[in-house]
N, C-alpha and C. Protein backbone atom coordinates (compact mmCIF):
# COMPACT_ATOMS: atom_id res chain seq x y z
N MET A 1 -5.26 -25.43 6.14
CA MET A 1 -5.16 -24.00 5.99
C MET A 1 -6.25 -23.46 5.07
N ASN A 2 -7.42 -23.98 5.18
CA ASN A 2 -8.52 -23.51 4.34
C ASN A 2 -9.22 -22.30 4.92
N TYR A 3 -8.85 -21.90 6.13
CA TYR A 3 -9.47 -20.75 6.77
C TYR A 3 -9.23 -19.50 5.94
N ARG A 4 -10.30 -18.75 5.69
CA ARG A 4 -10.20 -17.47 4.98
C ARG A 4 -10.88 -16.39 5.79
N ASN A 5 -10.21 -15.31 5.93
CA ASN A 5 -10.79 -14.13 6.56
C ASN A 5 -11.14 -13.18 5.42
N GLU A 6 -12.37 -13.29 4.95
CA GLU A 6 -12.77 -12.53 3.77
C GLU A 6 -12.71 -11.03 3.98
N SER A 7 -13.05 -10.56 5.18
CA SER A 7 -13.02 -9.11 5.40
C SER A 7 -11.59 -8.58 5.40
N LEU A 8 -10.65 -9.32 5.98
CA LEU A 8 -9.25 -8.90 5.95
C LEU A 8 -8.71 -8.95 4.52
N GLU A 9 -9.02 -10.01 3.82
CA GLU A 9 -8.57 -10.11 2.43
C GLU A 9 -9.14 -8.98 1.58
N GLN A 10 -10.40 -8.62 1.81
CA GLN A 10 -11.00 -7.53 1.05
C GLN A 10 -10.28 -6.22 1.32
N LEU A 11 -9.96 -5.96 2.58
CA LEU A 11 -9.22 -4.75 2.94
C LEU A 11 -7.87 -4.74 2.21
N ILE A 12 -7.15 -5.85 2.24
CA ILE A 12 -5.83 -5.91 1.60
C ILE A 12 -5.96 -5.75 0.09
N PHE A 13 -6.90 -6.47 -0.52
CA PHE A 13 -7.06 -6.37 -1.98
C PHE A 13 -7.47 -4.97 -2.39
N ASP A 14 -8.35 -4.33 -1.62
CA ASP A 14 -8.76 -2.96 -1.94
C ASP A 14 -7.58 -2.00 -1.80
N PHE A 15 -6.79 -2.19 -0.75
CA PHE A 15 -5.59 -1.37 -0.55
C PHE A 15 -4.66 -1.52 -1.76
N LEU A 16 -4.37 -2.76 -2.13
CA LEU A 16 -3.46 -3.01 -3.24
C LEU A 16 -4.02 -2.49 -4.56
N SER A 17 -5.33 -2.57 -4.72
CA SER A 17 -5.96 -2.04 -5.92
C SER A 17 -5.78 -0.52 -6.01
N MET A 18 -5.91 0.16 -4.87
CA MET A 18 -5.72 1.61 -4.86
C MET A 18 -4.26 1.98 -5.06
N VAL A 19 -3.35 1.17 -4.53
CA VAL A 19 -1.92 1.39 -4.78
C VAL A 19 -1.65 1.25 -6.27
N ASP A 20 -2.25 0.23 -6.89
CA ASP A 20 -2.07 0.02 -8.32
C ASP A 20 -2.61 1.21 -9.12
N LYS A 21 -3.76 1.71 -8.72
CA LYS A 21 -4.35 2.87 -9.40
C LYS A 21 -3.43 4.08 -9.26
N ALA A 22 -2.94 4.30 -8.03
CA ALA A 22 -2.05 5.45 -7.78
C ALA A 22 -0.75 5.33 -8.57
N THR A 23 -0.14 4.15 -8.56
CA THR A 23 1.13 4.00 -9.26
C THR A 23 0.95 4.03 -10.78
N SER A 24 -0.21 3.64 -11.26
CA SER A 24 -0.50 3.77 -12.70
C SER A 24 -0.56 5.25 -13.09
N LEU A 25 -1.19 6.06 -12.24
CA LEU A 25 -1.24 7.50 -12.49
C LEU A 25 0.16 8.12 -12.43
N LEU A 26 0.97 7.67 -11.48
CA LEU A 26 2.35 8.16 -11.39
C LEU A 26 3.13 7.79 -12.65
N GLU A 27 2.92 6.58 -13.13
CA GLU A 27 3.61 6.14 -14.34
C GLU A 27 3.19 6.97 -15.55
N GLU A 28 1.90 7.28 -15.65
CA GLU A 28 1.44 8.13 -16.75
C GLU A 28 2.10 9.51 -16.71
N LYS A 29 2.26 10.04 -15.51
CA LYS A 29 2.83 11.39 -15.35
C LYS A 29 4.35 11.40 -15.48
N PHE A 30 5.02 10.44 -14.84
CA PHE A 30 6.48 10.48 -14.72
C PHE A 30 7.22 9.41 -15.53
N GLY A 31 6.49 8.47 -16.11
CA GLY A 31 7.13 7.42 -16.91
C GLY A 31 7.60 6.22 -16.11
N THR A 32 7.32 6.20 -14.81
CA THR A 32 7.69 5.07 -13.97
C THR A 32 6.74 5.00 -12.78
N ARG A 33 6.53 3.79 -12.28
CA ARG A 33 5.66 3.62 -11.10
C ARG A 33 6.40 4.00 -9.82
N CYS A 34 7.68 3.74 -9.79
CA CYS A 34 8.49 4.05 -8.60
C CYS A 34 9.22 5.36 -8.87
N ILE A 35 8.75 6.42 -8.25
CA ILE A 35 9.30 7.74 -8.53
C ILE A 35 10.34 8.19 -7.50
N LEU A 36 10.77 7.28 -6.62
CA LEU A 36 11.76 7.65 -5.60
C LEU A 36 13.07 8.14 -6.21
N ARG A 37 13.57 7.43 -7.23
CA ARG A 37 14.84 7.83 -7.83
C ARG A 37 14.76 9.23 -8.45
N LEU A 38 13.60 9.52 -9.04
CA LEU A 38 13.42 10.84 -9.64
C LEU A 38 13.52 11.93 -8.57
N TRP A 39 12.91 11.66 -7.42
CA TRP A 39 12.95 12.61 -6.32
C TRP A 39 14.37 12.74 -5.77
N ARG A 40 15.00 11.61 -5.53
CA ARG A 40 16.34 11.63 -4.92
C ARG A 40 17.39 12.23 -5.84
N SER A 41 17.14 12.21 -7.14
CA SER A 41 18.07 12.83 -8.08
C SER A 41 17.62 14.24 -8.46
N ASN A 42 16.67 14.78 -7.69
CA ASN A 42 16.17 16.16 -7.87
C ASN A 42 15.53 16.41 -9.23
N LYS A 43 14.98 15.37 -9.84
CA LYS A 43 14.29 15.53 -11.12
C LYS A 43 12.82 15.88 -10.92
N ILE A 44 12.28 15.59 -9.74
CA ILE A 44 10.92 15.99 -9.39
C ILE A 44 10.91 16.50 -7.96
N GLU A 45 9.89 17.25 -7.63
CA GLU A 45 9.72 17.74 -6.27
C GLU A 45 9.22 16.62 -5.36
N ARG A 46 9.42 16.79 -4.07
CA ARG A 46 8.93 15.81 -3.09
C ARG A 46 7.41 15.77 -3.09
N CYS A 47 6.76 16.89 -3.33
CA CYS A 47 5.31 16.98 -3.35
C CYS A 47 4.89 17.64 -4.66
N GLY A 48 3.75 17.21 -5.18
CA GLY A 48 3.27 17.84 -6.39
C GLY A 48 1.95 17.28 -6.86
N THR A 49 1.54 17.71 -8.02
CA THR A 49 0.28 17.27 -8.61
C THR A 49 0.53 16.12 -9.57
N VAL A 50 -0.32 15.11 -9.48
CA VAL A 50 -0.26 14.00 -10.43
C VAL A 50 -1.11 14.37 -11.63
N VAL A 51 -2.39 14.61 -11.37
CA VAL A 51 -3.31 15.03 -12.42
C VAL A 51 -4.54 15.64 -11.73
N GLY A 52 -5.07 16.71 -12.27
CA GLY A 52 -6.26 17.32 -11.69
C GLY A 52 -6.07 17.64 -10.22
N ASP A 53 -6.98 17.13 -9.38
CA ASP A 53 -6.89 17.38 -7.94
C ASP A 53 -6.27 16.20 -7.19
N ILE A 54 -5.52 15.36 -7.88
CA ILE A 54 -4.80 14.25 -7.26
C ILE A 54 -3.34 14.67 -7.08
N THR A 55 -2.85 14.59 -5.84
CA THR A 55 -1.49 15.02 -5.54
C THR A 55 -0.70 13.87 -4.93
N TYR A 56 0.61 14.06 -4.85
CA TYR A 56 1.49 13.05 -4.24
C TYR A 56 2.42 13.73 -3.25
N GLU A 57 2.92 12.92 -2.33
CA GLU A 57 3.94 13.36 -1.38
C GLU A 57 4.86 12.18 -1.11
N LEU A 58 6.12 12.33 -1.46
CA LEU A 58 7.11 11.28 -1.22
C LEU A 58 7.66 11.38 0.19
N HIS A 59 7.99 10.22 0.76
CA HIS A 59 8.55 10.17 2.11
C HIS A 59 9.38 8.90 2.25
N GLY A 60 10.54 9.00 2.83
CA GLY A 60 11.37 7.82 3.08
C GLY A 60 11.46 6.92 1.88
N VAL A 61 10.84 5.72 1.98
CA VAL A 61 10.82 4.77 0.86
C VAL A 61 9.42 4.62 0.30
N GLY A 62 8.59 5.62 0.53
CA GLY A 62 7.21 5.49 0.09
C GLY A 62 6.63 6.76 -0.49
N CYS A 63 5.32 6.68 -0.71
CA CYS A 63 4.59 7.77 -1.35
C CYS A 63 3.15 7.77 -0.83
N ALA A 64 2.63 8.94 -0.64
CA ALA A 64 1.21 9.10 -0.33
C ALA A 64 0.59 9.79 -1.54
N VAL A 65 -0.50 9.23 -2.03
CA VAL A 65 -1.22 9.83 -3.14
C VAL A 65 -2.58 10.23 -2.60
N TYR A 66 -2.89 11.52 -2.76
CA TYR A 66 -4.12 12.09 -2.22
C TYR A 66 -5.16 12.21 -3.33
N PHE A 67 -6.17 11.38 -3.24
CA PHE A 67 -7.33 11.46 -4.11
C PHE A 67 -8.33 12.41 -3.45
N PRO A 68 -9.35 12.87 -4.15
CA PRO A 68 -10.31 13.79 -3.53
C PRO A 68 -10.97 13.26 -2.26
N ASP A 69 -11.22 11.94 -2.19
CA ASP A 69 -11.97 11.38 -1.06
C ASP A 69 -11.14 10.60 -0.05
N PHE A 70 -9.88 10.30 -0.38
CA PHE A 70 -9.05 9.51 0.53
C PHE A 70 -7.59 9.61 0.10
N CYS A 71 -6.74 9.12 0.97
CA CYS A 71 -5.30 9.06 0.70
C CYS A 71 -4.86 7.60 0.72
N ILE A 72 -3.99 7.24 -0.19
CA ILE A 72 -3.38 5.91 -0.16
C ILE A 72 -1.89 6.12 0.09
N ASP A 73 -1.38 5.54 1.17
CA ASP A 73 0.01 5.70 1.56
C ASP A 73 0.66 4.33 1.49
N PHE A 74 1.74 4.21 0.73
CA PHE A 74 2.39 2.92 0.56
C PHE A 74 3.89 3.09 0.52
N ASP A 75 4.59 2.02 0.77
CA ASP A 75 6.04 1.99 0.63
C ASP A 75 6.40 1.14 -0.57
N TYR A 76 7.48 1.51 -1.22
CA TYR A 76 8.02 0.68 -2.30
C TYR A 76 8.86 -0.42 -1.68
N GLY A 77 8.69 -1.63 -2.18
CA GLY A 77 9.50 -2.75 -1.74
C GLY A 77 10.75 -2.85 -2.59
N SER A 78 11.47 -3.95 -2.41
CA SER A 78 12.67 -4.16 -3.20
C SER A 78 12.31 -4.17 -4.69
N ASP A 79 13.21 -3.66 -5.50
CA ASP A 79 13.02 -3.58 -6.95
C ASP A 79 11.77 -2.79 -7.33
N GLY A 80 11.36 -1.85 -6.48
CA GLY A 80 10.20 -1.01 -6.79
C GLY A 80 8.86 -1.71 -6.67
N ARG A 81 8.84 -2.86 -6.00
CA ARG A 81 7.57 -3.59 -5.84
C ARG A 81 6.54 -2.73 -5.14
N THR A 82 5.28 -2.91 -5.54
CA THR A 82 4.19 -2.14 -4.94
C THR A 82 3.10 -3.04 -4.37
N ASP A 83 3.37 -4.33 -4.24
CA ASP A 83 2.37 -5.26 -3.72
C ASP A 83 2.56 -5.54 -2.24
N GLY A 84 3.31 -4.69 -1.54
CA GLY A 84 3.55 -4.87 -0.12
C GLY A 84 2.57 -4.09 0.73
N PHE A 85 2.35 -4.59 1.93
CA PHE A 85 1.44 -3.94 2.88
C PHE A 85 1.87 -4.30 4.28
N ASP A 86 1.41 -3.55 5.23
CA ASP A 86 1.65 -3.84 6.64
C ASP A 86 0.44 -3.36 7.44
N VAL A 87 0.45 -3.66 8.71
CA VAL A 87 -0.68 -3.31 9.57
C VAL A 87 -0.91 -1.81 9.56
N TRP A 88 0.15 -1.02 9.69
CA TRP A 88 -0.01 0.42 9.80
C TRP A 88 -0.68 0.99 8.55
N ARG A 89 -0.21 0.63 7.38
CA ARG A 89 -0.78 1.17 6.15
C ARG A 89 -2.22 0.71 5.94
N LEU A 90 -2.52 -0.53 6.29
CA LEU A 90 -3.89 -1.04 6.19
C LEU A 90 -4.80 -0.30 7.16
N TYR A 91 -4.30 -0.06 8.36
CA TYR A 91 -5.07 0.67 9.37
C TYR A 91 -5.38 2.09 8.90
N ILE A 92 -4.38 2.79 8.37
CA ILE A 92 -4.58 4.15 7.87
C ILE A 92 -5.60 4.14 6.73
N PHE A 93 -5.49 3.17 5.83
CA PHE A 93 -6.43 3.05 4.71
C PHE A 93 -7.85 2.82 5.24
N ALA A 94 -8.00 1.93 6.22
CA ALA A 94 -9.32 1.66 6.80
C ALA A 94 -9.89 2.93 7.44
N CYS A 95 -9.05 3.70 8.10
CA CYS A 95 -9.51 4.94 8.74
C CYS A 95 -9.87 6.00 7.71
N GLU A 96 -9.30 5.92 6.51
CA GLU A 96 -9.65 6.85 5.44
C GLU A 96 -11.06 6.56 4.91
N LEU A 97 -11.49 5.30 5.02
CA LEU A 97 -12.80 4.88 4.51
C LEU A 97 -13.55 4.10 5.60
N PRO A 98 -13.84 4.76 6.74
CA PRO A 98 -14.41 4.05 7.89
C PRO A 98 -15.78 3.44 7.65
N SER A 99 -16.57 3.98 6.77
CA SER A 99 -17.89 3.38 6.53
C SER A 99 -17.76 2.01 5.86
N LYS A 100 -16.69 1.81 5.13
CA LYS A 100 -16.48 0.53 4.45
C LYS A 100 -15.69 -0.46 5.31
N TYR A 101 -14.77 0.04 6.15
CA TYR A 101 -13.87 -0.83 6.91
C TYR A 101 -13.94 -0.56 8.41
N LYS A 102 -15.13 -0.32 8.94
CA LYS A 102 -15.31 0.05 10.35
C LYS A 102 -14.56 -0.88 11.30
N LYS A 103 -14.67 -2.16 11.06
CA LYS A 103 -14.02 -3.17 11.92
C LYS A 103 -12.52 -2.89 12.08
N TYR A 104 -11.88 -2.46 11.00
CA TYR A 104 -10.43 -2.29 11.01
C TYR A 104 -9.97 -0.90 11.40
N THR A 105 -10.90 -0.06 11.81
CA THR A 105 -10.50 1.21 12.41
C THR A 105 -10.09 0.99 13.87
N ASP A 106 -10.25 -0.23 14.34
CA ASP A 106 -9.71 -0.67 15.63
C ASP A 106 -8.40 -1.39 15.32
N LYS A 107 -7.30 -0.72 15.58
CA LYS A 107 -5.99 -1.26 15.20
C LYS A 107 -5.70 -2.61 15.85
N ALA A 108 -6.17 -2.82 17.07
CA ALA A 108 -5.92 -4.09 17.77
C ALA A 108 -6.59 -5.26 17.04
N VAL A 109 -7.78 -5.03 16.54
CA VAL A 109 -8.49 -6.07 15.78
C VAL A 109 -7.69 -6.41 14.52
N LEU A 110 -7.27 -5.39 13.82
CA LEU A 110 -6.48 -5.59 12.60
C LEU A 110 -5.17 -6.30 12.90
N GLU A 111 -4.48 -5.89 13.95
CA GLU A 111 -3.21 -6.53 14.30
C GLU A 111 -3.40 -8.01 14.59
N ASN A 112 -4.44 -8.36 15.34
CA ASN A 112 -4.69 -9.77 15.68
C ASN A 112 -4.98 -10.60 14.44
N GLU A 113 -5.83 -10.10 13.56
CA GLU A 113 -6.18 -10.85 12.36
C GLU A 113 -4.99 -10.94 11.41
N PHE A 114 -4.20 -9.89 11.33
CA PHE A 114 -3.01 -9.88 10.50
C PHE A 114 -2.01 -10.92 10.99
N LYS A 115 -1.75 -10.92 12.30
CA LYS A 115 -0.83 -11.91 12.89
C LYS A 115 -1.30 -13.33 12.62
N GLU A 116 -2.60 -13.54 12.69
CA GLU A 116 -3.16 -14.87 12.41
C GLU A 116 -2.85 -15.29 10.96
N TYR A 117 -2.97 -14.37 10.04
CA TYR A 117 -2.66 -14.68 8.63
C TYR A 117 -1.18 -14.96 8.43
N VAL A 118 -0.32 -14.27 9.17
CA VAL A 118 1.12 -14.55 9.11
C VAL A 118 1.37 -15.96 9.65
N THR A 119 0.77 -16.28 10.80
CA THR A 119 0.93 -17.60 11.41
C THR A 119 0.44 -18.72 10.50
N LEU A 120 -0.66 -18.48 9.80
CA LEU A 120 -1.21 -19.48 8.88
C LEU A 120 -0.39 -19.59 7.58
N GLY A 121 0.54 -18.67 7.39
CA GLY A 121 1.36 -18.71 6.19
C GLY A 121 0.68 -18.15 4.95
N LYS A 122 -0.40 -17.43 5.14
CA LYS A 122 -1.11 -16.85 3.99
C LYS A 122 -0.41 -15.58 3.48
N ILE A 123 0.26 -14.88 4.39
CA ILE A 123 1.07 -13.72 4.01
C ILE A 123 2.44 -13.91 4.63
N GLU A 124 3.44 -13.33 3.98
CA GLU A 124 4.78 -13.42 4.53
C GLU A 124 5.55 -12.14 4.27
N LYS A 125 6.62 -11.98 5.03
CA LYS A 125 7.43 -10.78 4.92
C LYS A 125 8.14 -10.76 3.57
N MET A 126 8.18 -9.59 2.98
CA MET A 126 8.84 -9.39 1.71
C MET A 126 10.35 -9.39 1.93
N SER A 127 11.07 -10.22 1.23
CA SER A 127 12.52 -10.25 1.40
C SER A 127 13.14 -8.98 0.83
N GLY A 128 14.16 -8.50 1.48
CA GLY A 128 14.84 -7.30 1.02
C GLY A 128 14.11 -6.02 1.36
N SER A 129 13.00 -6.12 2.05
CA SER A 129 12.22 -4.93 2.38
C SER A 129 12.90 -4.16 3.50
N THR A 130 12.96 -2.85 3.35
CA THR A 130 13.55 -2.02 4.40
C THR A 130 12.57 -1.85 5.56
N ASP A 131 11.30 -2.00 5.29
CA ASP A 131 10.28 -1.94 6.33
C ASP A 131 9.74 -3.34 6.57
N GLU A 132 8.72 -3.41 7.33
CA GLU A 132 8.06 -4.68 7.61
C GLU A 132 6.94 -4.92 6.62
N LEU A 133 7.23 -4.90 5.34
CA LEU A 133 6.20 -5.12 4.32
C LEU A 133 5.95 -6.61 4.15
N TYR A 134 4.69 -6.92 3.90
CA TYR A 134 4.25 -8.29 3.67
C TYR A 134 3.57 -8.38 2.32
N PHE A 135 3.40 -9.60 1.84
CA PHE A 135 2.68 -9.82 0.60
C PHE A 135 1.96 -11.15 0.69
N PHE A 136 0.96 -11.36 -0.17
CA PHE A 136 0.29 -12.65 -0.19
C PHE A 136 1.26 -13.69 -0.72
N LYS A 137 1.39 -14.77 -0.02
CA LYS A 137 2.38 -15.79 -0.34
C LYS A 137 2.25 -16.31 -1.76
N ASN A 138 1.05 -16.50 -2.23
CA ASN A 138 0.85 -17.06 -3.55
C ASN A 138 0.51 -16.00 -4.58
N ASN A 139 0.92 -14.77 -4.32
CA ASN A 139 0.62 -13.68 -5.24
C ASN A 139 1.58 -13.72 -6.43
N VAL A 140 1.02 -13.94 -7.60
CA VAL A 140 1.84 -13.98 -8.80
C VAL A 140 1.77 -12.64 -9.54
N ASN A 141 1.04 -11.70 -9.00
CA ASN A 141 0.87 -10.41 -9.66
C ASN A 141 1.70 -9.31 -9.02
N SER A 142 2.89 -9.63 -8.52
CA SER A 142 3.70 -8.58 -7.91
C SER A 142 4.14 -7.61 -8.98
N LYS A 143 4.14 -6.35 -8.62
CA LYS A 143 4.49 -5.28 -9.58
C LYS A 143 5.91 -4.84 -9.34
């Protein structure tokens, strides 16, 4: 299992890095990275400003954070985890930055490479996830 798909891994790591940046900003503003409970208990609005021209929009079990140049859309996993990803969210992220991730603006290409990583055991489904979120199997940095 020494096979590495560096371009797929870069897309995933960049996605997770932007999720981390977004949730750090949410934590600075609201005191927590997972703001779903605040929304569901009517302590915050579903949509609003994080800081400056960065805004958020909560949906279902996730959040979209709009930066000036792109949007990062993610779902919270069990216990508020933010290290989960799936094909759809990676595809949307790639389409937000097509000059950097042109290859993955073709969803079929991304789906095939993603499935290969699942088959190789490099990523696996997050237990307790309400969606089909995955994470790197050996990821010790889950949030």
